[in-house]
C-alpha cells in the first residue's frame, strides 16, 4: 500500500514527538519496585523507600524537564526543573506514571500522563540515574580495601548477610602528582605512577609522582559507587 504525502508527514511528526518525549538514555524509573506511599506535590515526588538494611526512609526529589506543551506532558530539557505544575492541575502519580489535567493554548483542559524516567531508589533515597554523587557504600560495607585500582569490601545484603564484592575504579588518573577524574569511561590508571595506595571510607589516598619526579601525597573522594544488595556498583558517573 502506498503511503500518501499527508500520511508520511503525519508519521514524521509522530516520530518527532515521541523523540521529544523520551530523551536519549531515558529508561523507565524503577523506584516504585522498592518504595511505597508514593505521592506528588507540584513537581516534588515523595515516597517511603526501602534501605539496604530493610528499614524505610521518607525521601523526595524534584522532577526535571517536564513541561506542559499545549495540554500534553512532555520532557523538553532534563537539566531544568519541571514547570508543568504552573499550568496543570489534579496532579497525581501512580507508580512511575505522572498524571495531570493540563491547559492547552486555546484554554481547553486535557487529561495527560507521562512515564517518569531514570529515577531509582538508592539505599532509601530517590535519585536520578547518572547523577554524580559522593559514594555511600561505606555506610553499609566494612573491611574496605584497595589493590591497585580494584576496590573491595564486605557489603550488607537486604537479607542482612554480607557479601565480599569488588569493583574496578573508573576514570581516575595521576595528573602531575594529583589524583583526578578525567574520563569516566576508562579504567583508572593512577596506580601506574602512584604508590602507597589506600582507601578510608570513600576517600582514596596515594603518593603520586609529578612530572619532574617529585612525590606528592594526594587524595580524592570516590563518587558514584553504591552498595546494591551486597554488590559494589556504579550508579552515577565518578
Protein backbone atom coordinates (compact mmCIF):
# COMPACT_ATOMS: atom_id res chain seq x y z
CA UNK A 1 0.00 0.00 0.00
CA UNK A 2 1.39 3.39 -0.99
CA UNK A 3 1.78 5.99 1.71
CA UNK A 4 0.27 9.37 0.89
CA UNK A 5 2.29 12.56 1.35
CA UNK A 6 -0.01 13.56 4.19
CA UNK A 7 0.46 10.16 5.84
CA UNK A 8 4.24 10.40 5.56
CA UNK A 9 4.23 13.86 7.14
CA UNK A 10 1.97 12.62 9.95
CA UNK A 11 4.30 9.71 10.66
CA UNK A 12 7.31 12.04 10.71
CA UNK A 13 5.61 14.40 13.15
CA UNK A 14 4.58 11.49 15.38
CA UNK A 15 8.14 10.15 15.42
CA UNK A 16 9.48 13.59 16.29
CA UNK A 17 7.03 13.97 19.17
CA UNK A 18 7.94 10.54 20.53
CA UNK A 19 11.59 11.50 20.35
CA UNK A 20 10.88 14.73 22.27
CA UNK A 21 9.03 12.79 24.93
CA UNK A 22 11.84 10.30 25.52
CA UNK A 23 15.33 11.78 25.63
CA UNK A 24 18.45 9.80 24.82
CA UNK A 25 19.46 7.30 27.53
CA UNK A 26 15.99 7.51 29.12
CA UNK A 27 14.78 4.39 30.92
CA UNK A 28 11.56 3.95 32.91
CA UNK A 29 12.05 4.65 36.61
CA UNK A 30 12.30 1.63 38.94
CA UNK A 31 11.88 3.28 42.36
CA UNK A 32 8.28 2.04 42.61
CA UNK A 33 9.55 -1.53 42.95
CA UNK A 34 11.01 -0.83 46.41
CA UNK A 35 9.09 2.28 47.54
CA UNK A 36 5.54 2.82 48.79
CA UNK A 37 3.29 5.71 49.84
CA UNK A 38 4.32 7.46 46.62
CA UNK A 39 2.93 10.95 46.22
CA UNK A 40 3.40 14.17 44.29
CA UNK A 41 3.10 17.83 45.27
CA UNK A 42 3.64 20.15 42.33
CA UNK A 43 6.90 18.90 40.83
CA UNK A 44 8.12 17.23 44.05
CA UNK A 45 7.95 13.42 44.12
CA UNK A 46 7.96 11.75 47.55
CA UNK A 47 7.95 8.15 48.76
CA UNK A 48 8.88 5.78 51.57
CA UNK A 49 11.81 3.79 50.16
CA UNK A 50 13.45 0.65 51.46
CA UNK A 51 17.08 0.85 52.54
CA UNK A 52 19.58 -1.99 52.24
CA UNK A 53 19.15 -2.79 55.95
CA UNK A 54 15.39 -3.30 55.40
CA UNK A 55 14.14 -0.13 57.08
CA UNK A 56 12.25 2.57 55.19
CA UNK A 57 13.19 6.21 54.65
CA UNK A 58 10.93 9.12 53.62
CA UNK A 59 12.61 10.76 50.65
CA UNK A 60 11.75 13.24 47.91
CA UNK A 61 13.14 14.53 44.63
CA UNK A 62 12.33 17.44 42.32
CA UNK A 63 11.25 16.26 38.88
CA UNK A 64 13.25 17.58 35.94
CA UNK A 65 12.49 18.59 32.41
CA UNK A 66 8.73 18.03 32.27
CA UNK A 67 6.62 20.79 30.74
CA UNK A 68 3.05 21.29 29.61
CA UNK A 69 3.23 21.54 25.82
CA UNK A 70 -0.24 22.55 24.61
CA UNK A 71 -2.01 20.31 27.10
CA UNK A 72 0.42 17.39 26.97
CA UNK A 73 3.11 16.46 29.47
CA UNK A 74 6.46 16.20 27.70
CA UNK A 75 10.15 16.09 28.55
CA UNK A 76 11.98 19.02 26.99
CA UNK A 77 15.19 19.86 28.89
CA UNK A 78 16.16 17.30 31.60
CA UNK A 79 18.65 19.79 33.03
CA UNK A 80 15.89 22.20 34.09
CA UNK A 81 13.40 21.94 36.93
CA UNK A 82 9.94 20.86 35.76
CA UNK A 83 7.37 23.66 35.42
CA UNK A 84 4.27 21.77 34.24
CA UNK A 85 2.59 22.47 37.59
CA UNK A 86 2.23 26.13 36.60
CA UNK A 87 -0.47 25.28 34.03
CA UNK A 88 -1.65 21.83 35.15
CA UNK A 89 -3.99 20.73 37.92
CA UNK A 90 -5.19 17.47 39.53
CA UNK A 91 -1.61 16.24 39.51
CA UNK A 92 -1.12 12.68 40.71
CA UNK A 93 1.32 9.80 40.40
CA UNK A 94 0.71 6.07 40.13
CA UNK A 95 3.88 4.04 40.31
CA UNK A 96 6.17 5.78 37.84
CA UNK A 97 3.37 7.39 35.80
CA UNK A 98 2.71 11.09 36.30
CA UNK A 99 -0.82 12.26 35.52
CA UNK A 100 -2.39 15.71 35.32
CA UNK A 101 -5.07 17.85 33.71
CA UNK A 102 -3.24 20.48 31.67
CA UNK A 103 -4.39 23.61 29.88
CA UNK A 104 -3.98 23.92 26.12
CA UNK A 105 -3.09 27.11 24.26
CA UNK A 106 -6.75 27.77 23.50
CA UNK A 107 -7.79 27.31 27.13
CA UNK A 108 -9.18 23.78 26.98
CA UNK A 109 -8.29 21.18 29.64
CA UNK A 110 -6.67 17.90 28.65
CA UNK A 111 -6.02 14.77 30.70
CA UNK A 112 -2.43 13.70 30.07
CA UNK A 113 0.22 11.38 31.51
CA UNK A 114 3.91 10.58 31.15
CA UNK A 115 6.22 7.84 32.38
CA UNK A 116 8.88 9.20 34.74
CA UNK A 117 12.35 8.19 33.60
CA UNK A 118 15.68 7.46 35.30
CA UNK A 119 14.63 7.76 38.97
CA UNK A 120 15.91 5.00 41.25
CA UNK A 121 15.82 4.07 44.93
CA UNK A 122 19.45 4.13 46.06
CA UNK A 123 19.54 2.79 49.62
CA UNK A 124 16.37 4.62 50.63
CA UNK A 125 16.97 7.81 48.66
CA UNK A 126 15.31 8.84 45.40
CA UNK A 127 17.99 9.77 42.86
CA UNK A 128 18.26 10.37 39.15
CA UNK A 129 20.35 7.69 37.49
CA UNK A 130 23.65 9.07 36.22
CA UNK A 131 23.98 11.93 38.70
CA UNK A 132 27.45 12.35 40.09
CA UNK A 133 27.05 11.57 43.78
CA UNK A 134 29.52 11.04 46.59
CA UNK A 135 29.82 7.29 47.17
CA UNK A 136 27.82 5.90 50.08
CA UNK A 137 28.86 2.23 50.03
CA UNK A 138 30.94 2.76 53.19
CA UNK A 139 27.74 3.21 55.20
CA UNK A 140 26.79 -0.48 54.75
CA UNK A 141 30.14 -2.09 53.92
CA UNK A 142 33.18 -2.97 56.04
CA UNK A 143 36.68 -4.40 55.58
CA UNK A 144 37.13 -1.94 52.73
CA UNK A 145 40.42 -2.24 50.87
CA UNK A 146 42.17 -1.28 47.66
CA UNK A 147 44.63 -3.13 45.44
CA UNK A 148 45.81 -1.02 42.53
CA UNK A 149 42.53 0.21 41.04
CA UNK A 150 40.37 -2.60 42.47
CA UNK A 151 38.16 -1.59 45.40
CA UNK A 152 36.91 -4.43 47.62
CA UNK A 153 34.60 -4.65 50.63
CA UNK A 154 32.22 -6.83 52.62
CA UNK A 155 28.78 -5.36 51.89
CA UNK A 156 25.46 -5.99 53.57
CA UNK A 157 22.67 -7.54 51.52
CA UNK A 158 18.97 -6.79 52.00
CA UNK A 159 18.58 -10.07 53.95
CA UNK A 160 21.24 -8.93 56.44
CA UNK A 161 24.07 -11.22 55.34
CA UNK A 162 27.36 -9.90 53.96
CA UNK A 163 28.96 -10.47 50.57
CA UNK A 164 32.58 -9.95 49.51
CA UNK A 165 32.49 -7.77 46.42
CA UNK A 166 34.87 -5.68 44.33
CA UNK A 167 34.77 -3.08 41.58
CA UNK A 168 37.35 -1.55 39.26
CA UNK A 169 37.61 2.21 39.76
CA UNK A 170 36.86 4.30 36.71
CA UNK A 171 38.39 7.47 35.31
CA UNK A 172 40.99 8.34 37.98
CA UNK A 173 44.44 9.39 36.77
CA UNK A 174 47.59 10.87 38.21
CA UNK A 175 47.80 14.40 36.80
CA UNK A 176 51.20 15.80 37.77
CA UNK A 177 51.06 14.27 41.24
CA UNK A 178 47.35 14.83 41.88
CA UNK A 179 44.53 12.26 41.69
CA UNK A 180 41.82 13.49 39.32
CA UNK A 181 38.84 12.14 37.40
CA UNK A 182 39.39 12.63 33.68
CA UNK A 183 37.48 10.15 31.51
CA UNK A 184 34.85 8.20 33.47
CA UNK A 185 34.52 5.71 30.59
CA UNK A 186 38.09 4.47 31.03
CA UNK A 187 39.60 2.21 33.67
CA UNK A 188 41.67 4.12 36.25
CA UNK A 189 45.43 4.08 35.62
CA UNK A 190 46.74 6.15 38.54
CA UNK A 191 48.33 3.02 40.02
CA UNK A 192 50.92 3.06 37.22
CA UNK A 193 52.61 6.13 38.73
CA UNK A 194 51.34 6.15 42.30
CA UNK A 195 52.35 4.14 45.38
CA UNK A 196 51.21 3.66 48.99
CA UNK A 197 47.62 3.47 47.74
CA UNK A 198 44.97 3.18 50.44
CA UNK A 199 41.29 3.84 50.99
CA UNK A 200 39.48 5.15 54.04
CA UNK A 201 35.71 5.01 53.66
CA UNK A 202 35.16 6.65 50.28
CA UNK A 203 38.47 8.57 50.31
CA UNK A 204 41.20 7.25 48.02
CA UNK A 205 44.75 8.22 49.03
CA UNK A 206 48.11 7.73 47.34
CA UNK A 207 51.60 9.08 46.89
CA UNK A 208 51.92 10.05 43.22
CA UNK A 209 54.84 11.08 41.06
CA UNK A 210 54.91 14.55 39.48
CA UNK A 211 56.26 15.35 36.03
CA UNK A 212 59.59 16.44 37.50
CA UNK A 213 59.94 13.24 39.56
CA UNK A 214 58.88 14.51 42.97
CA UNK A 215 56.45 12.55 45.14
CA UNK A 216 53.17 14.14 46.30
CA UNK A 217 50.62 12.93 48.85
CA UNK A 218 47.17 13.26 47.27
CA UNK A 219 43.59 12.10 47.82
CA UNK A 220 40.24 12.10 46.07
CA UNK A 221 36.67 11.33 47.16
CA UNK A 222 35.24 8.38 45.25
CA UNK A 223 31.92 9.17 43.58
CA UNK A 224 29.07 7.15 42.17
CA UNK A 225 29.69 3.82 43.95
CA UNK A 226 26.84 2.30 45.94
CA UNK A 227 26.15 -0.97 47.73
CA UNK A 228 23.34 -2.57 45.73
CA UNK A 229 22.17 -5.60 47.71
CA UNK A 230 25.69 -6.65 48.62
CA UNK A 231 27.38 -5.71 45.35
CA UNK A 232 29.51 -2.62 44.69
CA UNK A 233 28.16 -0.86 41.60
CA UNK A 234 28.47 2.47 39.86
CA UNK A 235 25.06 4.15 39.89
CA UNK A 236 26.29 7.51 38.60
CA UNK A 237 29.36 8.96 36.91
CA UNK A 238 32.54 9.06 39.04
